[in-house]
């Protein structure tokens, strides 16, 4: 029974690798049907599980040729099974990520880095699993594979965080803070309006994550608008898409910021209203 289950898992891993290669080859022609989109959107939810498993599996693989572990059957079987499970769940996560990427809203460069480092987290552990009992597979290969996989995990996580939260998300608290400007020297957009966008909007509307093809990180991009048109009509806040979306009910899909994100305060909404009414000067 255990042997059959182990064989099935090994075949499943092989099938997932072939399917991922297929998705990569035909990526430009891939259309994800609406009923599969929820599976793609589960990518951020399950990705932490294979990361934890693979990190432990690579730790065990790194030390597997040490004399005190090499002869331990329990250690070797546990390391092998853990690697197999981690590779399978990594494959599932990558497939979900490839589905999710088809929905758009991400810049190509960061997405490509995240995609290929993520794919490597499937291919490299799979190759290690298939090769680890071969006569030519020795300690240097085991350690090199473990180290490369570990760094790919870090890089994939970094680029994934950039896609989700924007650039410098991790190091932002350590970055120098902008000094407060005296009120008589303040520039309305730079010192009043732009911080609202940065704090409440830019995490989803930045050069790396183009939700609605809209960037709110700089004046030029704000003026350009997104796929739904201009963000505002200068002097006419009642006709401005920005304020219309802000005032939608929280449960409404198009309400901005989305439910679950930090919402704008009444004072911030008032500031945006009066800024647009005063012709939205930059």
C-alpha atoms as a PDB file:
ATOM      1  CA  UNK A   1       0.000   0.000   0.000  1.00  0.00           C
ATOM      2  CA  UNK A   2       2.749   2.452   0.993  1.00  0.00           C
ATOM      3  CA  UNK A   3       4.765   1.522  -2.094  1.00  0.00           C
ATOM      4  CA  UNK A   4       1.733   2.106  -4.343  1.00  0.00           C
ATOM      5  CA  UNK A   5       1.064   5.470  -2.711  1.00  0.00           C
ATOM      6  CA  UNK A   6       4.707   6.473  -3.066  1.00  0.00           C
ATOM      7  CA  UNK A   7       4.685   5.429  -6.719  1.00  0.00           C
ATOM      8  CA  UNK A   8       1.494   7.380  -7.361  1.00  0.00           C
ATOM      9  CA  UNK A   9       3.003  10.496  -5.760  1.00  0.00           C
ATOM     10  CA  UNK A  10       6.123  10.149  -7.905  1.00  0.00           C
ATOM     11  CA  UNK A  11       4.043   9.826 -11.070  1.00  0.00           C
ATOM     12  CA  UNK A  12       1.942  12.794  -9.991  1.00  0.00           C
ATOM     13  CA  UNK A  13       5.071  14.919  -9.598  1.00  0.00           C
ATOM     14  CA  UNK A  14       6.213  13.915 -13.089  1.00  0.00           C
ATOM     15  CA  UNK A  15       2.785  14.782 -14.541  1.00  0.00           C
ATOM     16  CA  UNK A  16       2.796  18.179 -12.813  1.00  0.00           C
ATOM     17  CA  UNK A  17       6.237  18.966 -14.255  1.00  0.00           C
ATOM     18  CA  UNK A  18       5.041  18.107 -17.771  1.00  0.00           C
ATOM     19  CA  UNK A  19       1.903  20.213 -17.280  1.00  0.00           C
ATOM     20  CA  UNK A  20       3.959  23.196 -16.088  1.00  0.00           C
ATOM     21  CA  UNK A  21       6.224  22.902 -19.136  1.00  0.00           C
ATOM     22  CA  UNK A  22       3.098  22.819 -21.314  1.00  0.00           C
ATOM     23  CA  UNK A  23       1.728  25.965 -19.630  1.00  0.00           C
ATOM     24  CA  UNK A  24       5.045  27.769 -20.103  1.00  0.00           C
ATOM     25  CA  UNK A  25       5.319  26.842 -23.791  1.00  0.00           C
ATOM     26  CA  UNK A  26       1.757  27.902 -24.616  1.00  0.00           C
ATOM     27  CA  UNK A  27       1.533  30.739 -22.087  1.00  0.00           C
ATOM     28  CA  UNK A  28       0.777  33.404 -24.714  1.00  0.00           C
ATOM     29  CA  UNK A  29      -2.153  31.358 -26.017  1.00  0.00           C
ATOM     30  CA  UNK A  30      -3.471  30.322 -22.620  1.00  0.00           C
ATOM     31  CA  UNK A  31      -6.970  31.479 -21.684  1.00  0.00           C
ATOM     32  CA  UNK A  32      -8.050  30.541 -18.170  1.00  0.00           C
ATOM     33  CA  UNK A  33     -11.831  29.911 -18.025  1.00  0.00           C
ATOM     34  CA  UNK A  34     -13.763  31.787 -15.364  1.00  0.00           C
ATOM     35  CA  UNK A  35     -14.420  28.617 -13.358  1.00  0.00           C
ATOM     36  CA  UNK A  36     -10.655  28.050 -12.978  1.00  0.00           C
ATOM     37  CA  UNK A  37      -9.864  31.610 -11.903  1.00  0.00           C
ATOM     38  CA  UNK A  38     -10.712  30.950  -8.217  1.00  0.00           C
ATOM     39  CA  UNK A  39      -8.060  28.193  -8.262  1.00  0.00           C
ATOM     40  CA  UNK A  40      -5.485  30.692  -9.517  1.00  0.00           C
ATOM     41  CA  UNK A  41      -6.477  33.169  -6.837  1.00  0.00           C
ATOM     42  CA  UNK A  42      -5.706  30.571  -4.160  1.00  0.00           C
ATOM     43  CA  UNK A  43      -2.005  30.932  -5.053  1.00  0.00           C
ATOM     44  CA  UNK A  44      -1.214  33.473  -2.269  1.00  0.00           C
ATOM     45  CA  UNK A  45      -3.123  31.353   0.241  1.00  0.00           C
ATOM     46  CA  UNK A  46      -1.241  28.047  -0.111  1.00  0.00           C
ATOM     47  CA  UNK A  47       2.257  29.129  -1.172  1.00  0.00           C
ATOM     48  CA  UNK A  48       3.565  29.286   2.414  1.00  0.00           C
ATOM     49  CA  UNK A  49       2.984  25.554   2.911  1.00  0.00           C
ATOM     50  CA  UNK A  50       5.412  24.282   0.218  1.00  0.00           C
ATOM     51  CA  UNK A  51       7.944  26.946   1.188  1.00  0.00           C
ATOM     52  CA  UNK A  52       8.099  25.612   4.746  1.00  0.00           C
ATOM     53  CA  UNK A  53       8.273  21.983   3.589  1.00  0.00           C
ATOM     54  CA  UNK A  54      10.980  22.637   0.990  1.00  0.00           C
ATOM     55  CA  UNK A  55      13.134  24.646   3.378  1.00  0.00           C
ATOM     56  CA  UNK A  56      13.130  21.745   5.829  1.00  0.00           C
ATOM     57  CA  UNK A  57      13.655  19.227   3.011  1.00  0.00           C
ATOM     58  CA  UNK A  58      16.639  21.180   1.655  1.00  0.00           C
ATOM     59  CA  UNK A  59      18.113  21.422   5.152  1.00  0.00           C
ATOM     60  CA  UNK A  60      17.925  17.635   5.465  1.00  0.00           C
ATOM     61  CA  UNK A  61      19.299  17.171   1.942  1.00  0.00           C
ATOM     62  CA  UNK A  62      22.258  19.417   2.684  1.00  0.00           C
ATOM     63  CA  UNK A  63      23.359  17.160   5.565  1.00  0.00           C
ATOM     64  CA  UNK A  64      22.229  13.766   4.232  1.00  0.00           C
ATOM     65  CA  UNK A  65      25.765  12.603   3.335  1.00  0.00           C
ATOM     66  CA  UNK A  66      27.182  13.283   6.786  1.00  0.00           C
ATOM     67  CA  UNK A  67      28.421  10.022   8.283  1.00  0.00           C
ATOM     68  CA  UNK A  68      26.010  10.068  11.221  1.00  0.00           C
ATOM     69  CA  UNK A  69      22.970  10.499   8.925  1.00  0.00           C
ATOM     70  CA  UNK A  70      23.969   8.576   5.799  1.00  0.00           C
ATOM     71  CA  UNK A  71      23.385   5.194   7.411  1.00  0.00           C
ATOM     72  CA  UNK A  72      20.129   6.144   9.128  1.00  0.00           C
ATOM     73  CA  UNK A  73      17.261   4.644   7.134  1.00  0.00           C
ATOM     74  CA  UNK A  74      14.635   6.726   8.947  1.00  0.00           C
ATOM     75  CA  UNK A  75      16.485   9.969   8.152  1.00  0.00           C
ATOM     76  CA  UNK A  76      16.870   9.059   4.479  1.00  0.00           C
ATOM     77  CA  UNK A  77      13.246   7.957   4.005  1.00  0.00           C
ATOM     78  CA  UNK A  78      11.887  10.982   5.854  1.00  0.00           C
ATOM     79  CA  UNK A  79      14.054  13.365   3.794  1.00  0.00           C
ATOM     80  CA  UNK A  80      12.997  11.680   0.547  1.00  0.00           C
ATOM     81  CA  UNK A  81       9.281  11.739   1.381  1.00  0.00           C
ATOM     82  CA  UNK A  82       9.446  15.331   2.598  1.00  0.00           C
ATOM     83  CA  UNK A  83      11.172  16.371  -0.626  1.00  0.00           C
ATOM     84  CA  UNK A  84       8.506  14.598  -2.689  1.00  0.00           C
ATOM     85  CA  UNK A  85       5.645  16.265  -0.809  1.00  0.00           C
ATOM     86  CA  UNK A  86       7.324  19.677  -1.018  1.00  0.00           C
ATOM     87  CA  UNK A  87       7.929  19.347  -4.760  1.00  0.00           C
ATOM     88  CA  UNK A  88       4.314  18.286  -5.396  1.00  0.00           C
ATOM     89  CA  UNK A  89       2.837  21.172  -3.429  1.00  0.00           C
ATOM     90  CA  UNK A  90       5.287  23.571  -5.075  1.00  0.00           C
ATOM     91  CA  UNK A  91       4.069  22.347  -8.457  1.00  0.00           C
ATOM     92  CA  UNK A  92       0.447  22.930  -7.442  1.00  0.00           C
ATOM     93  CA  UNK A  93       1.351  26.426  -6.235  1.00  0.00           C
ATOM     94  CA  UNK A  94       3.172  27.255  -9.488  1.00  0.00           C
ATOM     95  CA  UNK A  95       0.231  26.037 -11.581  1.00  0.00           C
ATOM     96  CA  UNK A  96      -2.079  28.278  -9.550  1.00  0.00           C
ATOM     97  CA  UNK A  97       0.343  31.173 -10.006  1.00  0.00           C
ATOM     98  CA  UNK A  98       0.452  30.672 -13.779  1.00  0.00           C
ATOM     99  CA  UNK A  99      -3.354  30.736 -13.845  1.00  0.00           C
ATOM    100  CA  UNK A 100      -3.398  33.894 -11.720  1.00  0.00           C
ATOM    101  CA  UNK A 101      -0.839  35.658 -13.922  1.00  0.00           C
ATOM    102  CA  UNK A 102      -3.219  35.402 -16.878  1.00  0.00           C
ATOM    103  CA  UNK A 103      -5.604  37.847 -15.190  1.00  0.00           C
ATOM    104  CA  UNK A 104      -3.149  40.679 -15.844  1.00  0.00           C
ATOM    105  CA  UNK A 105      -2.436  43.704 -13.677  1.00  0.00           C
ATOM    106  CA  UNK A 106       1.268  43.009 -13.221  1.00  0.00           C
ATOM    107  CA  UNK A 107       4.320  44.465 -14.933  1.00  0.00           C
ATOM    108  CA  UNK A 108       6.203  42.059 -17.118  1.00  0.00           C
ATOM    109  CA  UNK A 109       9.711  42.274 -15.622  1.00  0.00           C
ATOM    110  CA  UNK A 110       8.848  41.596 -11.978  1.00  0.00           C
ATOM    111  CA  UNK A 111       6.311  38.955 -12.970  1.00  0.00           C
ATOM    112  CA  UNK A 112       8.875  37.174 -15.146  1.00  0.00           C
ATOM    113  CA  UNK A 113      11.412  37.069 -12.310  1.00  0.00           C
ATOM    114  CA  UNK A 114       8.773  35.755  -9.906  1.00  0.00           C
ATOM    115  CA  UNK A 115       7.563  33.192 -12.434  1.00  0.00           C
ATOM    116  CA  UNK A 116      10.956  31.730 -13.307  1.00  0.00           C
ATOM    117  CA  UNK A 117      12.300  31.644  -9.755  1.00  0.00           C
ATOM    118  CA  UNK A 118       9.020  30.000  -8.757  1.00  0.00           C
ATOM    119  CA  UNK A 119       9.243  27.443 -11.557  1.00  0.00           C
ATOM    120  CA  UNK A 120      12.812  26.638 -10.511  1.00  0.00           C
ATOM    121  CA  UNK A 121      11.461  25.727  -7.064  1.00  0.00           C
ATOM    122  CA  UNK A 122       9.576  22.913  -8.790  1.00  0.00           C
ATOM    123  CA  UNK A 123      12.142  21.785 -11.347  1.00  0.00           C
ATOM    124  CA  UNK A 124      15.228  21.738  -9.097  1.00  0.00           C
ATOM    125  CA  UNK A 125      13.677  19.774  -6.178  1.00  0.00           C
ATOM    126  CA  UNK A 126      12.108  17.391  -8.718  1.00  0.00           C
ATOM    127  CA  UNK A 127      15.504  16.735 -10.302  1.00  0.00           C
ATOM    128  CA  UNK A 128      17.008  16.242  -6.852  1.00  0.00           C
ATOM    129  CA  UNK A 129      14.265  13.756  -5.949  1.00  0.00           C
ATOM    130  CA  UNK A 130      14.694  11.756  -9.153  1.00  0.00           C
ATOM    131  CA  UNK A 131      18.504  11.765  -8.894  1.00  0.00           C
ATOM    132  CA  UNK A 132      19.181  11.426  -5.184  1.00  0.00           C
ATOM    133  CA  UNK A 133      19.573   7.628  -5.236  1.00  0.00           C
ATOM    134  CA  UNK A 134      21.823   7.532  -8.319  1.00  0.00           C
ATOM    135  CA  UNK A 135      25.423   6.414  -7.881  1.00  0.00           C
ATOM    136  CA  UNK A 136      26.774   9.700  -9.266  1.00  0.00           C
ATOM    137  CA  UNK A 137      24.712  11.824  -6.863  1.00  0.00           C
ATOM    138  CA  UNK A 138      27.197  12.812  -4.158  1.00  0.00           C
ATOM    139  CA  UNK A 139      27.456  15.346  -1.339  1.00  0.00           C
ATOM    140  CA  UNK A 140      28.608  18.299  -3.521  1.00  0.00           C
ATOM    141  CA  UNK A 141      25.540  17.953  -5.756  1.00  0.00           C
ATOM    142  CA  UNK A 142      23.201  17.548  -2.786  1.00  0.00           C
ATOM    143  CA  UNK A 143      24.564  20.645  -1.080  1.00  0.00           C
ATOM    144  CA  UNK A 144      24.637  22.715  -4.275  1.00  0.00           C
ATOM    145  CA  UNK A 145      21.039  21.778  -5.084  1.00  0.00           C
ATOM    146  CA  UNK A 146      19.908  22.605  -1.554  1.00  0.00           C
ATOM    147  CA  UNK A 147      21.638  26.006  -1.587  1.00  0.00           C
ATOM    148  CA  UNK A 148      20.319  26.930  -5.051  1.00  0.00           C
ATOM    149  CA  UNK A 149      16.781  25.929  -4.069  1.00  0.00           C
ATOM    150  CA  UNK A 150      17.024  27.947  -0.866  1.00  0.00           C
ATOM    151  CA  UNK A 151      18.086  31.094  -2.739  1.00  0.00           C
ATOM    152  CA  UNK A 152      15.372  30.567  -5.348  1.00  0.00           C
ATOM    153  CA  UNK A 153      12.843  30.401  -2.511  1.00  0.00           C
ATOM    154  CA  UNK A 154      14.102  33.732  -1.171  1.00  0.00           C
ATOM    155  CA  UNK A 155      14.092  35.394  -4.600  1.00  0.00           C
ATOM    156  CA  UNK A 156      10.645  34.085  -5.514  1.00  0.00           C
ATOM    157  CA  UNK A 157       9.311  35.352  -2.188  1.00  0.00           C
ATOM    158  CA  UNK A 158      10.935  38.743  -2.727  1.00  0.00           C
ATOM    159  CA  UNK A 159       9.480  39.221  -6.204  1.00  0.00           C
ATOM    160  CA  UNK A 160       6.105  37.926  -5.023  1.00  0.00           C
ATOM    161  CA  UNK A 161       6.075  40.471  -2.200  1.00  0.00           C
ATOM    162  CA  UNK A 162       6.973  43.202  -4.702  1.00  0.00           C
ATOM    163  CA  UNK A 163       4.023  42.205  -6.890  1.00  0.00           C
ATOM    164  CA  UNK A 164       1.670  42.164  -3.913  1.00  0.00           C
ATOM    165  CA  UNK A 165       2.859  45.083  -1.786  1.00  0.00           C
ATOM    166  CA  UNK A 166       5.010  47.229  -4.082  1.00  0.00           C
ATOM    167  CA  UNK A 167       8.699  48.085  -4.213  1.00  0.00           C
ATOM    168  CA  UNK A 168      10.765  48.220  -0.990  1.00  0.00           C
ATOM    169  CA  UNK A 169       7.938  46.779   1.131  1.00  0.00           C
ATOM    170  CA  UNK A 170      10.329  44.990   3.513  1.00  0.00           C
ATOM    171  CA  UNK A 171      12.868  47.795   3.914  1.00  0.00           C
ATOM    172  CA  UNK A 172      10.406  50.696   3.863  1.00  0.00           C
ATOM    173  CA  UNK A 173      10.320  51.080   7.694  1.00  0.00           C
ATOM    174  CA  UNK A 174      14.115  51.527   7.633  1.00  0.00           C
ATOM    175  CA  UNK A 175      14.084  54.132   4.873  1.00  0.00           C
ATOM    176  CA  UNK A 176      14.651  57.794   5.849  1.00  0.00           C
ATOM    177  CA  UNK A 177      11.392  59.539   6.641  1.00  0.00           C
ATOM    178  CA  UNK A 178      10.475  62.727   4.829  1.00  0.00           C
ATOM    179  CA  UNK A 179      10.744  65.761   7.042  1.00  0.00           C
ATOM    180  CA  UNK A 180       7.577  67.639   7.897  1.00  0.00           C
ATOM    181  CA  UNK A 181       7.198  70.787   5.828  1.00  0.00           C
ATOM    182  CA  UNK A 182       5.906  74.009   7.421  1.00  0.00           C
ATOM    183  CA  UNK A 183       2.339  74.703   6.313  1.00  0.00           C
ATOM    184  CA  UNK A 184       3.316  77.958   4.600  1.00  0.00           C
ATOM    185  CA  UNK A 185       5.876  76.070   2.468  1.00  0.00           C
ATOM    186  CA  UNK A 186       3.747  73.029   1.681  1.00  0.00           C
ATOM    187  CA  UNK A 187       2.870  72.110  -1.897  1.00  0.00           C
ATOM    188  CA  UNK A 188      -0.667  70.742  -1.985  1.00  0.00           C
ATOM    189  CA  UNK A 189      -0.050  67.696  -4.171  1.00  0.00           C
ATOM    190  CA  UNK A 190       3.439  66.758  -2.960  1.00  0.00           C
ATOM    191  CA  UNK A 191       2.818  67.188   0.756  1.00  0.00           C
ATOM    192  CA  UNK A 192      -0.936  66.611   1.179  1.00  0.00           C
ATOM    193  CA  UNK A 193      -2.445  64.591  -1.678  1.00  0.00           C
ATOM    194  CA  UNK A 194       0.418  62.346  -2.741  1.00  0.00           C
ATOM    195  CA  UNK A 195       0.888  60.858   0.779  1.00  0.00           C
ATOM    196  CA  UNK A 196      -2.767  59.760   0.659  1.00  0.00           C
ATOM    197  CA  UNK A 197      -2.150  57.864  -2.568  1.00  0.00           C
ATOM    198  CA  UNK A 198       1.105  56.397  -1.254  1.00  0.00           C
ATOM    199  CA  UNK A 199      -0.429  55.160   2.000  1.00  0.00           C
ATOM    200  CA  UNK A 200      -3.792  53.936   0.704  1.00  0.00           C
ATOM    201  CA  UNK A 201      -3.506  53.219  -3.029  1.00  0.00           C
ATOM    202  CA  UNK A 202       0.012  52.622  -4.325  1.00  0.00           C
ATOM    203  CA  UNK A 203       0.288  49.046  -3.011  1.00  0.00           C
ATOM    204  CA  UNK A 204      -2.119  47.988  -5.793  1.00  0.00           C
ATOM    205  CA  UNK A 205      -1.418  50.755  -8.325  1.00  0.00           C
ATOM    206  CA  UNK A 206       2.333  50.910  -8.833  1.00  0.00           C
ATOM    207  CA  UNK A 207       4.748  50.205 -11.692  1.00  0.00           C
ATOM    208  CA  UNK A 208       5.010  46.560 -10.584  1.00  0.00           C
ATOM    209  CA  UNK A 209       1.312  45.938  -9.968  1.00  0.00           C
ATOM    210  CA  UNK A 210      -0.967  47.638 -12.478  1.00  0.00           C
ATOM    211  CA  UNK A 211      -4.447  46.962 -11.159  1.00  0.00           C
ATOM    212  CA  UNK A 212      -6.809  48.468 -13.718  1.00  0.00           C
ATOM    213  CA  UNK A 213      -3.752  49.631 -15.708  1.00  0.00           C
ATOM    214  CA  UNK A 214      -3.545  52.468 -13.196  1.00  0.00           C
ATOM    215  CA  UNK A 215      -0.428  53.850 -11.499  1.00  0.00           C
ATOM    216  CA  UNK A 216      -0.815  56.299  -8.611  1.00  0.00           C
ATOM    217  CA  UNK A 217       2.866  56.696  -7.757  1.00  0.00           C
ATOM    218  CA  UNK A 218       3.552  59.923  -9.674  1.00  0.00           C
ATOM    219  CA  UNK A 219       1.768  62.921 -11.167  1.00  0.00           C
ATOM    220  CA  UNK A 220       2.200  61.904 -14.813  1.00  0.00           C
ATOM    221  CA  UNK A 221       0.657  58.475 -14.246  1.00  0.00           C
ATOM    222  CA  UNK A 222      -2.196  59.916 -12.173  1.00  0.00           C
ATOM    223  CA  UNK A 223      -3.069  62.304 -15.010  1.00  0.00           C
ATOM    224  CA  UNK A 224      -2.945  59.448 -17.516  1.00  0.00           C
ATOM    225  CA  UNK A 225      -5.567  57.404 -15.672  1.00  0.00           C
ATOM    226  CA  UNK A 226      -6.250  53.708 -16.234  1.00  0.00           C
ATOM    227  CA  UNK A 227      -8.269  51.335 -18.362  1.00  0.00           C
ATOM    228  CA  UNK A 228     -11.518  52.939 -17.154  1.00  0.00           C
ATOM    229  CA  UNK A 229     -10.424  56.407 -18.230  1.00  0.00           C
ATOM    230  CA  UNK A 230      -9.268  59.539 -16.468  1.00  0.00           C
ATOM    231  CA  UNK A 231      -9.134  59.431 -12.695  1.00  0.00           C
ATOM    232  CA  UNK A 232     -10.802  62.807 -12.228  1.00  0.00           C
ATOM    233  CA  UNK A 233     -12.283  65.806 -14.009  1.00  0.00           C
ATOM    234  CA  UNK A 234     -10.471  68.911 -12.769  1.00  0.00           C
ATOM    235  CA  UNK A 235     -12.900  71.288 -11.083  1.00  0.00           C
ATOM    236  CA  UNK A 236     -15.740  68.734 -11.084  1.00  0.00           C
ATOM    237  CA  UNK A 237     -15.381  66.288  -8.199  1.00  0.00           C
ATOM    238  CA  UNK A 238     -18.939  65.022  -8.698  1.00  0.00           C
ATOM    239  CA  UNK A 239     -17.925  63.683 -12.140  1.00  0.00           C
ATOM    240  CA  UNK A 240     -14.609  62.221 -11.014  1.00  0.00           C
ATOM    241  CA  UNK A 241     -14.143  58.447 -11.136  1.00  0.00           C
ATOM    242  CA  UNK A 242     -11.785  58.571  -8.148  1.00  0.00           C
ATOM    243  CA  UNK A 243     -14.434  59.906  -5.785  1.00  0.00           C
ATOM    244  CA  UNK A 244     -17.174  57.760  -7.312  1.00  0.00           C
ATOM    245  CA  UNK A 245     -15.208  54.606  -6.503  1.00  0.00           C
ATOM    246  CA  UNK A 246     -14.334  55.837  -3.009  1.00  0.00           C
ATOM    247  CA  UNK A 247     -18.006  56.491  -2.199  1.00  0.00           C
ATOM    248  CA  UNK A 248     -19.299  53.107  -3.390  1.00  0.00           C
ATOM    249  CA  UNK A 249     -20.537  50.786  -0.608  1.00  0.00           C
ATOM    250  CA  UNK A 250     -17.719  48.824   1.002  1.00  0.00           C
ATOM    251  CA  UNK A 251     -19.229  45.521  -0.173  1.00  0.00           C
ATOM    252  CA  UNK A 252     -19.251  46.708  -3.787  1.00  0.00           C
ATOM    253  CA  UNK A 253     -16.538  45.031  -5.886  1.00  0.00           C
ATOM    254  CA  UNK A 254     -15.421  48.337  -7.441  1.00  0.00           C
ATOM    255  CA  UNK A 255     -15.168  50.182  -4.127  1.00  0.00           C
ATOM    256  CA  UNK A 256     -11.707  51.608  -3.560  1.00  0.00           C
ATOM    257  CA  UNK A 257      -9.664  50.798  -1.574  1.00  0.00           C
ATOM    258  CA  UNK A 258     -10.970  47.199  -1.691  1.00  0.00           C
ATOM    259  CA  UNK A 259     -12.540  45.629   1.360  1.00  0.00           C
ATOM    260  CA  UNK A 260      -9.785  44.313   3.613  1.00  0.00           C
ATOM    261  CA  UNK A 261      -7.448  47.204   2.809  1.00  0.00           C
ATOM    262  CA  UNK A 262      -7.015  50.265   5.033  1.00  0.00           C
ATOM    263  CA  UNK A 263      -9.782  52.687   4.067  1.00  0.00           C
ATOM    264  CA  UNK A 264      -9.525  56.429   3.527  1.00  0.00           C
ATOM    265  CA  UNK A 265     -10.539  58.584   6.466  1.00  0.00           C
ATOM    266  CA  UNK A 266     -13.251  61.227   6.140  1.00  0.00           C
ATOM    267  CA  UNK A 267     -10.572  63.925   6.280  1.00  0.00           C
ATOM    268  CA  UNK A 268      -8.621  62.304   3.442  1.00  0.00           C
ATOM    269  CA  UNK A 269     -11.744  62.047   1.283  1.00  0.00           C
ATOM    270  CA  UNK A 270     -12.506  65.706   1.980  1.00  0.00           C
ATOM    271  CA  UNK A 271      -8.968  66.705   1.001  1.00  0.00           C
ATOM    272  CA  UNK A 272      -9.260  64.812  -2.292  1.00  0.00           C
ATOM    273  CA  UNK A 273     -12.637  66.438  -2.969  1.00  0.00           C
ATOM    274  CA  UNK A 274     -11.357  69.979  -2.451  1.00  0.00           C
ATOM    275  CA  UNK A 275      -8.140  69.259  -4.375  1.00  0.00           C
ATOM    276  CA  UNK A 276     -10.123  68.164  -7.428  1.00  0.00           C
ATOM    277  CA  UNK A 277     -12.579  71.050  -7.018  1.00  0.00           C
ATOM    278  CA  UNK A 278      -9.609  73.451  -7.027  1.00  0.00           C
ATOM    279  CA  UNK A 279      -8.597  72.022 -10.452  1.00  0.00           C
ATOM    280  CA  UNK A 280      -6.258  69.327  -9.067  1.00  0.00           C
ATOM    281  CA  UNK A 281      -3.091  71.367  -9.240  1.00  0.00           C
ATOM    282  CA  UNK A 282       0.182  69.420  -9.339  1.00  0.00           C
END
